[in-house]
């Protein structure tokens, strides 16, 4: 299985030492060259180290895939545009993106999108991690991940942790 990811999702998972979940769940993570550049120039060495794992692959999206994303009428930065375009071009199994606008465009393009919270839930369902709460707390505290209290509680209830 292949997942295409944006930079912020990879960076967040790397900061809390759960990047390995993506390899365990998908095998290969594909990123655009713009996302690779964002990771390479990150201030934190853990985020930069994402590029050193052999299961993260860099690919360039085609101009036609980029045009299809741009036709959706939403303004994205180049990294998000290329991430959406790669997912479209590769017929990716999943698109890992947390931004709401990006997920809306993914839906319009009939792409299957998942966020970090979804990754963590699937990881627990597949017995890769014992606790969603522990990972989400680390994401909030160490990676600056934002999640509303209401969604946090809803997720914990869904995975039977409250």
C-alpha atoms as a PDB file:
ATOM      1  CA  UNK A   1       0.000   0.000   0.000  1.00  0.00           C
ATOM      2  CA  UNK A   2       1.110   3.541  -0.686  1.00  0.00           C
ATOM      3  CA  UNK A   3       0.335   6.722   1.173  1.00  0.00           C
ATOM      4  CA  UNK A   4       1.212  10.223  -0.024  1.00  0.00           C
ATOM      5  CA  UNK A   5       1.924  12.684   2.777  1.00  0.00           C
ATOM      6  CA  UNK A   6       2.349  16.353   3.453  1.00  0.00           C
ATOM      7  CA  UNK A   7       5.290  17.687   5.463  1.00  0.00           C
ATOM      8  CA  UNK A   8       3.501  18.630   8.672  1.00  0.00           C
ATOM      9  CA  UNK A   9       2.097  15.138   9.250  1.00  0.00           C
ATOM     10  CA  UNK A  10       5.490  13.501   8.785  1.00  0.00           C
ATOM     11  CA  UNK A  11       7.163  16.105  10.958  1.00  0.00           C
ATOM     12  CA  UNK A  12       4.658  15.679  13.756  1.00  0.00           C
ATOM     13  CA  UNK A  13       4.963  11.890  13.780  1.00  0.00           C
ATOM     14  CA  UNK A  14       8.764  12.149  13.670  1.00  0.00           C
ATOM     15  CA  UNK A  15       8.846  14.522  16.648  1.00  0.00           C
ATOM     16  CA  UNK A  16       7.036  11.992  18.829  1.00  0.00           C
ATOM     17  CA  UNK A  17       8.916   8.945  17.500  1.00  0.00           C
ATOM     18  CA  UNK A  18       5.878   7.400  15.819  1.00  0.00           C
ATOM     19  CA  UNK A  19       6.920   7.849  12.203  1.00  0.00           C
ATOM     20  CA  UNK A  20       7.389   4.077  12.060  1.00  0.00           C
ATOM     21  CA  UNK A  21       3.610   3.663  12.143  1.00  0.00           C
ATOM     22  CA  UNK A  22       3.441   4.755   8.521  1.00  0.00           C
ATOM     23  CA  UNK A  23       5.830   2.044   7.385  1.00  0.00           C
ATOM     24  CA  UNK A  24       3.986  -0.547   9.475  1.00  0.00           C
ATOM     25  CA  UNK A  25       0.623   0.471   8.017  1.00  0.00           C
ATOM     26  CA  UNK A  26       1.521   1.350   4.426  1.00  0.00           C
ATOM     27  CA  UNK A  27       5.021   0.172   3.594  1.00  0.00           C
ATOM     28  CA  UNK A  28       5.868   3.157   1.400  1.00  0.00           C
ATOM     29  CA  UNK A  29       5.330   6.866   1.930  1.00  0.00           C
ATOM     30  CA  UNK A  30       5.596   9.099  -1.134  1.00  0.00           C
ATOM     31  CA  UNK A  31       6.344  12.795  -0.867  1.00  0.00           C
ATOM     32  CA  UNK A  32       6.867  15.539  -3.407  1.00  0.00           C
ATOM     33  CA  UNK A  33      10.182  17.284  -3.893  1.00  0.00           C
ATOM     34  CA  UNK A  34       8.727  20.425  -2.301  1.00  0.00           C
ATOM     35  CA  UNK A  35       7.726  18.437   0.798  1.00  0.00           C
ATOM     36  CA  UNK A  36      11.214  16.884   0.832  1.00  0.00           C
ATOM     37  CA  UNK A  37      12.715  20.383   0.770  1.00  0.00           C
ATOM     38  CA  UNK A  38      10.465  21.482   3.646  1.00  0.00           C
ATOM     39  CA  UNK A  39      11.631  18.487   5.679  1.00  0.00           C
ATOM     40  CA  UNK A  40      15.296  19.039   4.770  1.00  0.00           C
ATOM     41  CA  UNK A  41      15.208  22.660   5.931  1.00  0.00           C
ATOM     42  CA  UNK A  42      13.275  22.006   9.161  1.00  0.00           C
ATOM     43  CA  UNK A  43      14.933  23.296  12.319  1.00  0.00           C
ATOM     44  CA  UNK A  44      14.571  19.979  14.145  1.00  0.00           C
ATOM     45  CA  UNK A  45      16.937  17.121  13.276  1.00  0.00           C
ATOM     46  CA  UNK A  46      14.192  14.530  13.901  1.00  0.00           C
ATOM     47  CA  UNK A  47      12.146  16.084  11.123  1.00  0.00           C
ATOM     48  CA  UNK A  48      15.157  16.252   8.804  1.00  0.00           C
ATOM     49  CA  UNK A  49      15.830  12.555   9.518  1.00  0.00           C
ATOM     50  CA  UNK A  50      12.541  11.602   7.835  1.00  0.00           C
ATOM     51  CA  UNK A  51      14.401  11.847   4.542  1.00  0.00           C
ATOM     52  CA  UNK A  52      16.923   9.209   5.610  1.00  0.00           C
ATOM     53  CA  UNK A  53      14.458   6.341   5.966  1.00  0.00           C
ATOM     54  CA  UNK A  54      14.430   4.099   2.910  1.00  0.00           C
ATOM     55  CA  UNK A  55      10.650   3.725   2.768  1.00  0.00           C
ATOM     56  CA  UNK A  56      10.040   7.450   2.164  1.00  0.00           C
ATOM     57  CA  UNK A  57      10.253   8.084  -1.577  1.00  0.00           C
ATOM     58  CA  UNK A  58      10.389  11.421  -3.383  1.00  0.00           C
ATOM     59  CA  UNK A  59       8.496  11.812  -6.659  1.00  0.00           C
ATOM     60  CA  UNK A  60       7.623  14.714  -8.904  1.00  0.00           C
ATOM     61  CA  UNK A  61       3.951  15.194  -9.788  1.00  0.00           C
ATOM     62  CA  UNK A  62       2.995  15.668 -13.413  1.00  0.00           C
ATOM     63  CA  UNK A  63       1.841  19.024 -14.719  1.00  0.00           C
ATOM     64  CA  UNK A  64      -1.541  17.518 -15.584  1.00  0.00           C
ATOM     65  CA  UNK A  65      -2.058  16.278 -12.006  1.00  0.00           C
ATOM     66  CA  UNK A  66      -1.101  19.708 -10.651  1.00  0.00           C
ATOM     67  CA  UNK A  67      -3.558  21.324 -13.078  1.00  0.00           C
ATOM     68  CA  UNK A  68      -6.370  19.044 -11.854  1.00  0.00           C
ATOM     69  CA  UNK A  69      -5.727  20.140  -8.278  1.00  0.00           C
ATOM     70  CA  UNK A  70      -5.574  23.803  -9.255  1.00  0.00           C
ATOM     71  CA  UNK A  71      -8.909  23.488 -11.091  1.00  0.00           C
ATOM     72  CA  UNK A  72     -10.559  22.894  -7.725  1.00  0.00           C
ATOM     73  CA  UNK A  73     -10.294  26.636  -7.090  1.00  0.00           C
ATOM     74  CA  UNK A  74      -8.637  26.466  -3.675  1.00  0.00           C
ATOM     75  CA  UNK A  75      -5.390  28.285  -3.015  1.00  0.00           C
ATOM     76  CA  UNK A  76      -2.707  26.074  -1.517  1.00  0.00           C
ATOM     77  CA  UNK A  77       0.991  26.431  -1.003  1.00  0.00           C
ATOM     78  CA  UNK A  78       3.164  24.510  -3.433  1.00  0.00           C
ATOM     79  CA  UNK A  79       3.738  21.631  -0.999  1.00  0.00           C
ATOM     80  CA  UNK A  80       0.037  20.967  -0.500  1.00  0.00           C
ATOM     81  CA  UNK A  81      -0.658  21.307  -4.222  1.00  0.00           C
ATOM     82  CA  UNK A  82       2.065  18.814  -5.088  1.00  0.00           C
ATOM     83  CA  UNK A  83       0.950  16.425  -2.344  1.00  0.00           C
ATOM     84  CA  UNK A  84      -2.614  16.381  -3.655  1.00  0.00           C
ATOM     85  CA  UNK A  85      -1.353  16.049  -7.234  1.00  0.00           C
ATOM     86  CA  UNK A  86       0.883  13.086  -6.363  1.00  0.00           C
ATOM     87  CA  UNK A  87      -1.946  11.290  -4.588  1.00  0.00           C
ATOM     88  CA  UNK A  88      -4.109  11.799  -7.651  1.00  0.00           C
ATOM     89  CA  UNK A  89      -1.400  10.781 -10.112  1.00  0.00           C
ATOM     90  CA  UNK A  90      -0.361   7.642  -8.196  1.00  0.00           C
ATOM     91  CA  UNK A  91      -3.902   6.572  -7.281  1.00  0.00           C
ATOM     92  CA  UNK A  92      -2.583   6.420  -3.724  1.00  0.00           C
ATOM     93  CA  UNK A  93      -4.315   4.194  -1.215  1.00  0.00           C
ATOM     94  CA  UNK A  94      -4.411   7.142   1.192  1.00  0.00           C
ATOM     95  CA  UNK A  95      -3.501  10.799   1.372  1.00  0.00           C
ATOM     96  CA  UNK A  96      -2.149  11.885   4.759  1.00  0.00           C
ATOM     97  CA  UNK A  97      -3.151  15.499   5.227  1.00  0.00           C
ATOM     98  CA  UNK A  98      -4.534  17.323   8.241  1.00  0.00           C
ATOM     99  CA  UNK A  99      -5.611  20.634   6.768  1.00  0.00           C
ATOM    100  CA  UNK A 100      -9.379  20.862   6.313  1.00  0.00           C
ATOM    101  CA  UNK A 101      -9.219  22.584   2.909  1.00  0.00           C
ATOM    102  CA  UNK A 102      -6.848  19.925   1.630  1.00  0.00           C
ATOM    103  CA  UNK A 103      -9.179  17.177   2.787  1.00  0.00           C
ATOM    104  CA  UNK A 104     -12.098  18.898   1.058  1.00  0.00           C
ATOM    105  CA  UNK A 105     -10.205  19.013  -2.230  1.00  0.00           C
ATOM    106  CA  UNK A 106      -9.147  15.392  -1.745  1.00  0.00           C
ATOM    107  CA  UNK A 107     -12.810  14.461  -1.383  1.00  0.00           C
ATOM    108  CA  UNK A 108     -13.712  16.429  -4.516  1.00  0.00           C
ATOM    109  CA  UNK A 109     -10.965  14.551  -6.378  1.00  0.00           C
ATOM    110  CA  UNK A 110     -12.272  11.261  -4.966  1.00  0.00           C
ATOM    111  CA  UNK A 111      -9.085  10.625  -3.010  1.00  0.00           C
ATOM    112  CA  UNK A 112      -9.106   8.737   0.268  1.00  0.00           C
ATOM    113  CA  UNK A 113      -7.736  11.102   2.915  1.00  0.00           C
ATOM    114  CA  UNK A 114      -6.692  10.373   6.477  1.00  0.00           C
ATOM    115  CA  UNK A 115      -5.229  12.563   9.196  1.00  0.00           C
ATOM    116  CA  UNK A 116      -2.794  11.855  11.990  1.00  0.00           C
ATOM    117  CA  UNK A 117      -5.635  10.998  14.364  1.00  0.00           C
ATOM    118  CA  UNK A 118      -6.932   8.452  11.861  1.00  0.00           C
ATOM    119  CA  UNK A 119      -3.450   6.923  11.561  1.00  0.00           C
ATOM    120  CA  UNK A 120      -3.238   6.584  15.340  1.00  0.00           C
ATOM    121  CA  UNK A 121      -6.698   4.994  15.556  1.00  0.00           C
ATOM    122  CA  UNK A 122      -5.853   2.444  12.835  1.00  0.00           C
ATOM    123  CA  UNK A 123      -2.540   1.713  14.571  1.00  0.00           C
ATOM    124  CA  UNK A 124      -4.362   0.843  17.780  1.00  0.00           C
ATOM    125  CA  UNK A 125      -6.959  -1.240  15.927  1.00  0.00           C
ATOM    126  CA  UNK A 126      -4.098  -3.240  14.388  1.00  0.00           C
ATOM    127  CA  UNK A 127      -2.414  -3.608  17.805  1.00  0.00           C
ATOM    128  CA  UNK A 128       0.633  -1.578  16.776  1.00  0.00           C
ATOM    129  CA  UNK A 129       0.252   0.734  19.779  1.00  0.00           C
ATOM    130  CA  UNK A 130      -1.407   0.142  23.151  1.00  0.00           C
ATOM    131  CA  UNK A 131      -2.801   3.643  23.654  1.00  0.00           C
ATOM    132  CA  UNK A 132      -4.214   6.349  21.412  1.00  0.00           C
ATOM    133  CA  UNK A 133      -4.227   8.752  24.362  1.00  0.00           C
ATOM    134  CA  UNK A 134      -0.480   8.427  24.867  1.00  0.00           C
ATOM    135  CA  UNK A 135       0.282   9.212  21.226  1.00  0.00           C
ATOM    136  CA  UNK A 136      -2.221  12.078  20.989  1.00  0.00           C
ATOM    137  CA  UNK A 137      -0.893  13.609  24.220  1.00  0.00           C
ATOM    138  CA  UNK A 138       2.659  13.410  22.866  1.00  0.00           C
ATOM    139  CA  UNK A 139       1.545  15.014  19.581  1.00  0.00           C
ATOM    140  CA  UNK A 140      -0.084  17.893  21.466  1.00  0.00           C
ATOM    141  CA  UNK A 141       2.771  18.398  23.947  1.00  0.00           C
ATOM    142  CA  UNK A 142       5.814  17.777  21.747  1.00  0.00           C
ATOM    143  CA  UNK A 143       4.681  18.535  18.207  1.00  0.00           C
ATOM    144  CA  UNK A 144       2.214  21.364  18.816  1.00  0.00           C
ATOM    145  CA  UNK A 145      -0.596  19.307  17.280  1.00  0.00           C
ATOM    146  CA  UNK A 146      -3.956  21.015  17.683  1.00  0.00           C
ATOM    147  CA  UNK A 147      -7.084  19.045  18.455  1.00  0.00           C
ATOM    148  CA  UNK A 148     -10.265  20.331  20.059  1.00  0.00           C
ATOM    149  CA  UNK A 149     -11.188  18.958  23.456  1.00  0.00           C
ATOM    150  CA  UNK A 150     -14.445  17.692  21.973  1.00  0.00           C
ATOM    151  CA  UNK A 151     -12.706  15.718  19.205  1.00  0.00           C
ATOM    152  CA  UNK A 152     -10.066  14.438  21.636  1.00  0.00           C
ATOM    153  CA  UNK A 153     -12.804  13.051  23.902  1.00  0.00           C
ATOM    154  CA  UNK A 154     -14.734  11.627  20.950  1.00  0.00           C
ATOM    155  CA  UNK A 155     -11.626   9.780  19.696  1.00  0.00           C
ATOM    156  CA  UNK A 156     -10.838   8.368  23.140  1.00  0.00           C
ATOM    157  CA  UNK A 157     -14.410   7.169  23.509  1.00  0.00           C
ATOM    158  CA  UNK A 158     -14.283   5.587  20.027  1.00  0.00           C
ATOM    159  CA  UNK A 159     -11.192   3.551  20.957  1.00  0.00           C
ATOM    160  CA  UNK A 160     -12.546   2.672  24.429  1.00  0.00           C
ATOM    161  CA  UNK A 161      -9.970   4.646  26.367  1.00  0.00           C
ATOM    162  CA  UNK A 162     -12.550   6.545  28.450  1.00  0.00           C
END
